[in-house]
Amino acid sequence: MAKKNSTILEIFLQGIGLYFTNIDRFLWYMLFPVLGQLAGIILLTIILYSYSEFQTVLLSSFPVLKNQMYMNITLGVILLPVILLWAKAFWDYLVAYSSVNSMTENMLKSERVYDFPAHTMMVTRRWASYLGLCILYLGLLFLSVTGIFTGFAWVLLVYYTFIFQIFIFEPDLSPLDCFKRSSSYVSGNFKQTFGMIFLVGGLTYVILPQIILTFLDTIKCIKPIQDLITPYISVPSLDWINMVISAAGLHQIMPAEVSLFIVKFLIIIIVIQLLLPLRVICMCLWYKNFYNDAGAMKKIDDRILERAGAKKTRRKK
């Protein structure tokens, strides 16, 4: 294990510098993974809403759809491209969790990031193992929001914070071994690792999203989107909610308030997802405090050069 030669604050500031030096490239890289997921959800909502609203007209115009099997097949065919769009964007988002680590190593040497396909290939060429790693991680995230397991799962998330870095820089390990190795790195350094997560999380989940939201509100960009959504939120659909909050002595919720919440929530989610590279860069730099095997880094460089078409020098035994 390498000797730690940087403080949490120094690594945090270094990560911010690396990210904002290449912010245009990272925003472009994350554009489809983020907006693709959003487009998939919006299109799915529009299709299902339209189906419920115009079901009677559809059945009268196309009597064959009265057969439930034909209706399900038709709906499935219409929804399939939308589901595939969302799935592809979500997968690319998961891939970014690891590929940005390879980019970070690149930036430490040249201060620039380039050849995104080569870095992405570092993950997708081992897609089966990576899928297993992501399934285990998503299962842990599910436990973190599930009642009695919440506290225990959040502690585990700190111990397993390096799994995506280990997947890239220690490629010989299996998905389960990535979790074990991460736990061994964090053990004895839990407070420092939690401190790094707190700094990065506070910046990317709270401070920057609120700054962007305030800016958009100041230049009057939120109101037009809110006005676009409000007509589709009916007052009767809020009746059961208003009955509950009225009993508590609170004022009733109106469609305009719901649409405003939806718009602000979506903006915050988009900003948080776009900032994924910043979180990964900072955690990668912190990980390198624990692991600094030059041989492993050489393997990464060789694979990137090979993908880019450069000659790889073979070592003589």
Protein backbone atom coordinates (compact mmCIF):
# COMPACT_ATOMS: atom_id res chain seq x y z
CA MET A 1 0.00 0.00 0.00
CA ALA A 2 1.41 3.36 -1.04
CA LYS A 3 2.24 6.01 1.49
CA LYS A 4 -0.37 8.72 1.60
CA ASN A 5 1.22 12.01 0.58
CA SER A 6 -1.79 14.26 0.01
CA THR A 7 -4.53 15.57 2.26
CA ILE A 8 -8.21 15.15 1.49
CA LEU A 9 -8.54 18.86 0.70
CA GLU A 10 -5.56 18.83 -1.65
CA ILE A 11 -6.95 15.85 -3.57
CA PHE A 12 -10.41 17.41 -3.63
CA LEU A 13 -9.10 20.67 -5.11
CA GLN A 14 -6.93 18.77 -7.60
CA GLY A 15 -9.99 16.82 -8.76
CA ILE A 16 -11.99 20.02 -9.22
CA GLY A 17 -9.13 21.48 -11.26
CA LEU A 18 -8.87 18.44 -13.53
CA TYR A 19 -12.62 18.39 -14.11
CA PHE A 20 -13.09 22.06 -14.93
CA THR A 21 -10.00 22.06 -17.16
CA ASN A 22 -11.80 19.51 -19.33
CA ILE A 23 -15.41 20.39 -18.51
CA ASP A 24 -16.44 20.81 -22.16
CA ARG A 25 -15.28 17.28 -23.01
CA PHE A 26 -16.91 15.74 -19.96
CA LEU A 27 -20.24 17.50 -20.57
CA TRP A 28 -20.24 16.23 -24.14
CA TYR A 29 -19.32 12.71 -22.98
CA MET A 30 -22.20 12.65 -20.48
CA LEU A 31 -24.77 14.26 -22.78
CA PHE A 32 -26.34 11.09 -24.18
CA PRO A 33 -26.18 9.00 -20.96
CA VAL A 34 -28.03 11.75 -19.08
CA LEU A 35 -30.42 13.17 -21.69
CA GLY A 36 -31.04 9.72 -23.18
CA GLN A 37 -32.40 8.49 -19.86
CA LEU A 38 -34.54 11.62 -19.54
CA ALA A 39 -35.86 11.30 -23.10
CA GLY A 40 -36.73 7.66 -22.52
CA ILE A 41 -38.70 8.45 -19.36
CA ILE A 42 -40.51 11.42 -20.97
CA LEU A 43 -41.43 9.44 -24.11
CA LEU A 44 -42.62 6.51 -22.00
CA THR A 45 -44.79 8.85 -19.92
CA ILE A 46 -46.23 10.53 -23.03
CA ILE A 47 -47.08 7.20 -24.69
CA LEU A 48 -48.77 5.76 -21.60
CA TYR A 49 -50.62 9.02 -20.92
CA SER A 50 -51.83 9.21 -24.53
CA TYR A 51 -52.96 5.58 -24.40
CA SER A 52 -55.02 6.15 -21.25
CA GLU A 53 -56.54 9.38 -22.61
CA PHE A 54 -57.41 8.13 -26.10
CA GLN A 55 -58.08 4.47 -25.37
CA THR A 56 -61.75 4.74 -26.33
CA VAL A 57 -60.94 6.42 -29.66
CA LEU A 58 -58.27 3.81 -30.44
CA LEU A 59 -60.61 0.91 -29.74
CA SER A 60 -63.35 2.39 -31.94
CA SER A 61 -60.92 3.12 -34.77
CA PHE A 62 -59.08 -0.21 -34.51
CA PRO A 63 -61.51 -2.91 -33.27
CA VAL A 64 -58.75 -5.53 -33.41
CA LEU A 65 -57.18 -3.84 -30.37
CA LYS A 66 -60.17 -4.95 -28.29
CA ASN A 67 -58.36 -8.26 -28.12
CA GLN A 68 -56.11 -7.91 -25.06
CA MET A 69 -53.29 -9.94 -26.62
CA TYR A 70 -53.16 -7.74 -29.73
CA MET A 71 -53.32 -4.65 -27.56
CA ASN A 72 -50.38 -5.82 -25.45
CA ILE A 73 -48.33 -6.71 -28.55
CA THR A 74 -49.03 -3.33 -30.16
CA LEU A 75 -48.18 -1.45 -26.98
CA GLY A 76 -45.02 -3.52 -26.56
CA VAL A 77 -43.85 -2.80 -30.12
CA ILE A 78 -44.41 0.93 -29.58
CA LEU A 79 -42.64 0.98 -26.21
CA LEU A 80 -39.70 -1.25 -27.19
CA PRO A 81 -37.63 1.48 -28.95
CA VAL A 82 -38.19 3.83 -26.02
CA ILE A 83 -37.14 1.18 -23.49
CA LEU A 84 -34.03 0.38 -25.57
CA LEU A 85 -33.16 4.07 -25.72
CA TRP A 86 -33.38 4.37 -21.94
CA ALA A 87 -31.48 1.11 -21.38
CA LYS A 88 -28.62 2.17 -23.69
CA ALA A 89 -28.33 5.56 -21.99
CA PHE A 90 -28.43 3.96 -18.53
CA TRP A 91 -25.74 1.45 -19.49
CA ASP A 92 -23.51 4.24 -20.85
CA TYR A 93 -24.02 6.09 -17.57
CA LEU A 94 -22.91 3.03 -15.60
CA VAL A 95 -19.89 2.59 -17.91
CA ALA A 96 -18.84 6.18 -17.12
CA TYR A 97 -18.38 5.18 -13.46
CA SER A 98 -15.31 3.20 -14.50
CA SER A 99 -14.18 4.74 -17.80
CA VAL A 100 -13.65 8.16 -16.20
CA ASN A 101 -11.06 6.55 -13.93
CA SER A 102 -8.99 5.64 -16.98
CA MET A 103 -9.44 9.22 -18.21
CA THR A 104 -8.20 10.54 -14.87
CA GLU A 105 -4.94 8.64 -15.26
CA ASN A 106 -4.65 10.14 -18.73
CA MET A 107 -5.22 13.67 -17.36
CA LEU A 108 -2.58 13.24 -14.64
CA LYS A 109 -0.01 12.80 -17.40
CA SER A 110 -1.16 15.28 -20.05
CA GLU A 111 -3.76 17.44 -18.20
CA ARG A 112 -6.13 16.70 -21.10
CA VAL A 113 -8.52 13.87 -21.81
CA TYR A 114 -8.87 12.42 -25.30
CA ASP A 115 -9.90 9.29 -27.21
CA PHE A 116 -13.10 8.60 -25.27
CA PRO A 117 -13.82 5.35 -27.19
CA ALA A 118 -10.50 3.89 -25.99
CA HIS A 119 -11.33 4.61 -22.35
CA THR A 120 -14.87 3.28 -22.77
CA MET A 121 -13.48 0.12 -24.35
CA MET A 122 -11.56 -0.53 -21.13
CA VAL A 123 -14.96 -1.28 -19.56
CA THR A 124 -17.10 -2.65 -22.40
CA ARG A 125 -14.55 -5.31 -23.42
CA ARG A 126 -15.24 -6.89 -20.00
CA TRP A 127 -18.96 -6.18 -20.08
CA ALA A 128 -20.05 -9.43 -18.39
CA SER A 129 -17.87 -8.87 -15.33
CA TYR A 130 -18.83 -5.21 -15.22
CA LEU A 131 -22.53 -6.04 -15.43
CA GLY A 132 -22.12 -8.33 -12.43
CA LEU A 133 -20.30 -5.58 -10.54
CA CYS A 134 -23.06 -3.07 -11.31
CA ILE A 135 -25.83 -5.49 -10.29
CA LEU A 136 -24.15 -6.03 -6.91
CA TYR A 137 -23.67 -2.28 -6.47
CA LEU A 138 -27.25 -1.42 -7.47
CA GLY A 139 -28.48 -4.06 -5.03
CA LEU A 140 -26.50 -2.33 -2.28
CA LEU A 141 -27.98 1.03 -3.29
CA PHE A 142 -31.45 -0.53 -3.05
CA LEU A 143 -30.70 -1.69 0.49
CA SER A 144 -29.50 1.82 1.37
CA VAL A 145 -33.05 3.16 0.92
CA THR A 146 -34.84 0.16 2.43
CA GLY A 147 -35.94 0.77 5.99
CA ILE A 148 -34.01 -1.23 8.57
CA PHE A 149 -31.01 -1.85 6.27
CA THR A 150 -30.40 1.83 5.48
CA GLY A 151 -27.71 2.59 8.07
CA PHE A 152 -25.85 -0.68 7.52
CA ALA A 153 -25.93 -0.27 3.70
CA TRP A 154 -24.59 3.30 3.86
CA VAL A 155 -21.62 2.11 5.92
CA LEU A 156 -20.99 -0.61 3.32
CA LEU A 157 -21.17 1.98 0.53
CA VAL A 158 -18.24 3.79 2.15
CA TYR A 159 -16.22 0.58 2.41
CA TYR A 160 -17.03 -0.31 -1.22
CA THR A 161 -16.43 3.16 -2.63
CA PHE A 162 -13.38 2.07 -4.70
CA ILE A 163 -14.95 -0.83 -6.63
CA PHE A 164 -15.07 1.04 -9.95
CA GLN A 165 -11.47 2.20 -9.62
CA ILE A 166 -10.34 -1.31 -8.75
CA PHE A 167 -12.21 -2.72 -11.76
CA ILE A 168 -10.09 -0.51 -14.05
CA PHE A 169 -6.71 -0.49 -12.33
CA GLU A 170 -6.73 -4.06 -11.01
CA PRO A 171 -8.36 -5.90 -13.93
CA ASP A 172 -7.43 -9.41 -12.78
CA LEU A 173 -9.90 -9.25 -9.89
CA SER A 174 -13.44 -10.62 -10.08
CA PRO A 175 -16.46 -8.43 -9.17
CA LEU A 176 -16.63 -9.92 -5.66
CA ASP A 177 -12.88 -9.43 -5.24
CA CYS A 178 -13.31 -5.75 -6.18
CA PHE A 179 -15.61 -5.35 -3.20
CA LYS A 180 -13.19 -7.17 -0.90
CA ARG A 181 -10.19 -5.15 -2.08
CA SER A 182 -12.07 -1.86 -1.66
CA SER A 183 -12.99 -2.84 1.89
CA SER A 184 -9.32 -3.58 2.66
CA TYR A 185 -8.25 -0.15 1.37
CA VAL A 186 -10.90 1.73 3.35
CA SER A 187 -10.36 -0.30 6.54
CA GLY A 188 -8.41 1.88 8.93
CA ASN A 189 -9.14 4.95 6.77
CA PHE A 190 -12.90 5.07 7.12
CA LYS A 191 -13.08 8.61 8.51
CA GLN A 192 -10.86 10.07 5.79
CA THR A 193 -12.75 8.25 3.04
CA PHE A 194 -16.07 9.38 4.49
CA GLY A 195 -14.70 12.93 4.60
CA MET A 196 -13.82 12.78 0.90
CA ILE A 197 -17.28 11.40 0.06
CA PHE A 198 -18.85 14.17 2.15
CA LEU A 199 -16.90 16.90 0.33
CA VAL A 200 -17.55 15.52 -3.15
CA GLY A 201 -21.18 14.69 -2.39
CA GLY A 202 -21.87 18.09 -0.86
CA LEU A 203 -20.43 19.86 -3.91
CA THR A 204 -22.05 17.74 -6.62
CA TYR A 205 -25.36 16.81 -4.97
CA VAL A 206 -26.17 20.07 -3.17
CA ILE A 207 -24.06 23.16 -3.88
CA LEU A 208 -23.59 23.07 -7.67
CA PRO A 209 -27.17 21.86 -8.44
CA GLN A 210 -28.59 24.67 -6.28
CA ILE A 211 -26.35 27.24 -7.99
CA ILE A 212 -27.51 26.07 -11.44
CA LEU A 213 -31.15 25.99 -10.30
CA THR A 214 -30.92 29.53 -8.88
CA PHE A 215 -29.29 30.77 -12.07
CA LEU A 216 -32.00 29.24 -14.30
CA ASP A 217 -34.69 30.68 -12.05
CA THR A 218 -33.05 34.12 -12.20
CA ILE A 219 -33.00 34.19 -16.01
CA LYS A 220 -36.65 32.99 -16.10
CA CYS A 221 -36.03 29.60 -17.75
CA ILE A 222 -38.06 27.53 -15.30
CA LYS A 223 -41.47 29.25 -15.68
CA PRO A 224 -42.01 28.40 -19.38
CA ILE A 225 -41.35 24.71 -18.72
CA GLN A 226 -43.63 24.81 -15.69
CA ASP A 227 -46.43 26.36 -17.76
CA LEU A 228 -45.98 23.60 -20.33
CA ILE A 229 -46.55 20.84 -17.75
CA THR A 230 -49.28 22.42 -15.59
CA PRO A 231 -52.24 21.83 -17.99
CA TYR A 232 -51.60 18.07 -17.89
CA ILE A 233 -51.95 17.87 -14.11
CA SER A 234 -55.62 17.64 -13.22
CA VAL A 235 -57.02 18.83 -9.91
CA PRO A 236 -59.02 15.58 -9.30
CA SER A 237 -55.76 13.58 -9.43
CA LEU A 238 -54.59 15.56 -6.38
CA ASP A 239 -57.79 15.07 -4.37
CA TRP A 240 -56.54 12.20 -2.19
CA ILE A 241 -53.30 14.07 -1.37
CA ASN A 242 -55.22 17.24 -0.51
CA MET A 243 -57.57 15.28 1.73
CA VAL A 244 -54.62 14.05 3.79
CA ILE A 245 -52.80 17.38 4.06
CA SER A 246 -56.06 19.27 4.75
CA ALA A 247 -56.59 17.05 7.78
CA ALA A 248 -53.14 18.15 8.96
CA GLY A 249 -54.14 21.81 8.60
CA LEU A 250 -51.90 22.49 5.56
CA HIS A 251 -52.89 24.36 2.41
CA GLN A 252 -53.94 22.34 -0.61
CA ILE A 253 -51.52 21.51 -3.42
CA MET A 254 -52.34 23.03 -6.81
CA PRO A 255 -51.22 21.78 -10.25
CA ALA A 256 -48.82 24.75 -10.68
CA GLU A 257 -46.99 23.74 -7.50
CA VAL A 258 -46.69 20.14 -8.65
CA SER A 259 -45.36 21.16 -12.07
CA LEU A 260 -42.83 23.51 -10.43
CA PHE A 261 -41.60 20.68 -8.22
CA ILE A 262 -41.28 18.35 -11.21
CA VAL A 263 -39.25 20.88 -13.22
CA LYS A 264 -36.90 21.70 -10.34
CA PHE A 265 -36.48 18.03 -9.48
CA LEU A 266 -35.58 17.13 -13.08
CA ILE A 267 -33.09 20.00 -13.32
CA ILE A 268 -31.37 18.89 -10.12
CA ILE A 269 -31.23 15.27 -11.29
CA ILE A 270 -29.77 16.30 -14.67
CA VAL A 271 -27.08 18.44 -13.04
CA ILE A 272 -26.20 15.70 -10.53
CA GLN A 273 -25.83 13.15 -13.32
CA LEU A 274 -23.78 15.50 -15.50
CA LEU A 275 -21.39 15.95 -12.56
CA LEU A 276 -20.65 12.22 -12.35
CA PRO A 277 -17.12 12.69 -13.83
CA LEU A 278 -16.23 15.17 -11.08
CA ARG A 279 -17.20 12.66 -8.39
CA VAL A 280 -15.30 9.85 -10.10
CA ILE A 281 -12.16 11.95 -10.63
CA CYS A 282 -11.96 12.94 -6.96
CA MET A 283 -12.51 9.37 -5.75
CA CYS A 284 -9.97 8.07 -8.28
CA LEU A 285 -7.34 10.47 -6.95
CA TRP A 286 -8.16 9.39 -3.41
CA TYR A 287 -7.94 5.72 -4.46
CA LYS A 288 -4.48 6.32 -5.92
CA ASN A 289 -3.37 7.24 -2.41
CA PHE A 290 -3.91 3.59 -1.51
CA TYR A 291 -2.80 1.95 -4.72
CA ASN A 292 0.11 3.14 -6.81
CA ASP A 293 1.33 0.05 -8.62
CA ALA A 294 3.27 1.33 -11.64
CA GLY A 295 2.90 -2.05 -13.32
CA ALA A 296 -0.88 -1.88 -13.22
CA MET A 297 -0.82 1.69 -14.57
CA LYS A 298 1.43 0.51 -17.41
CA LYS A 299 -1.15 -2.11 -18.36
CA ILE A 300 -3.81 0.60 -18.60
CA ASP A 301 -1.60 2.77 -20.80
CA ASP A 302 -0.76 -0.16 -23.08
CA ARG A 303 -4.44 -0.99 -23.61
CA ILE A 304 -5.31 2.62 -24.44
CA LEU A 305 -2.42 2.86 -26.91
CA GLU A 306 -3.43 -0.45 -28.46
CA ARG A 307 -7.02 0.77 -28.90
CA ALA A 308 -5.74 4.03 -30.43
CA GLY A 309 -3.68 2.11 -32.97
CA ALA A 310 -0.26 2.78 -31.50
CA LYS A 311 2.48 0.16 -31.40
CA LYS A 312 2.81 -1.71 -28.16
CA THR A 313 6.37 -2.60 -27.18
CA ARG A 314 6.63 -6.17 -26.03
CA ARG A 315 8.77 -6.96 -23.06
CA LYS A 316 11.34 -9.72 -23.40
CA LYS A 317 11.15 -12.41 -20.80
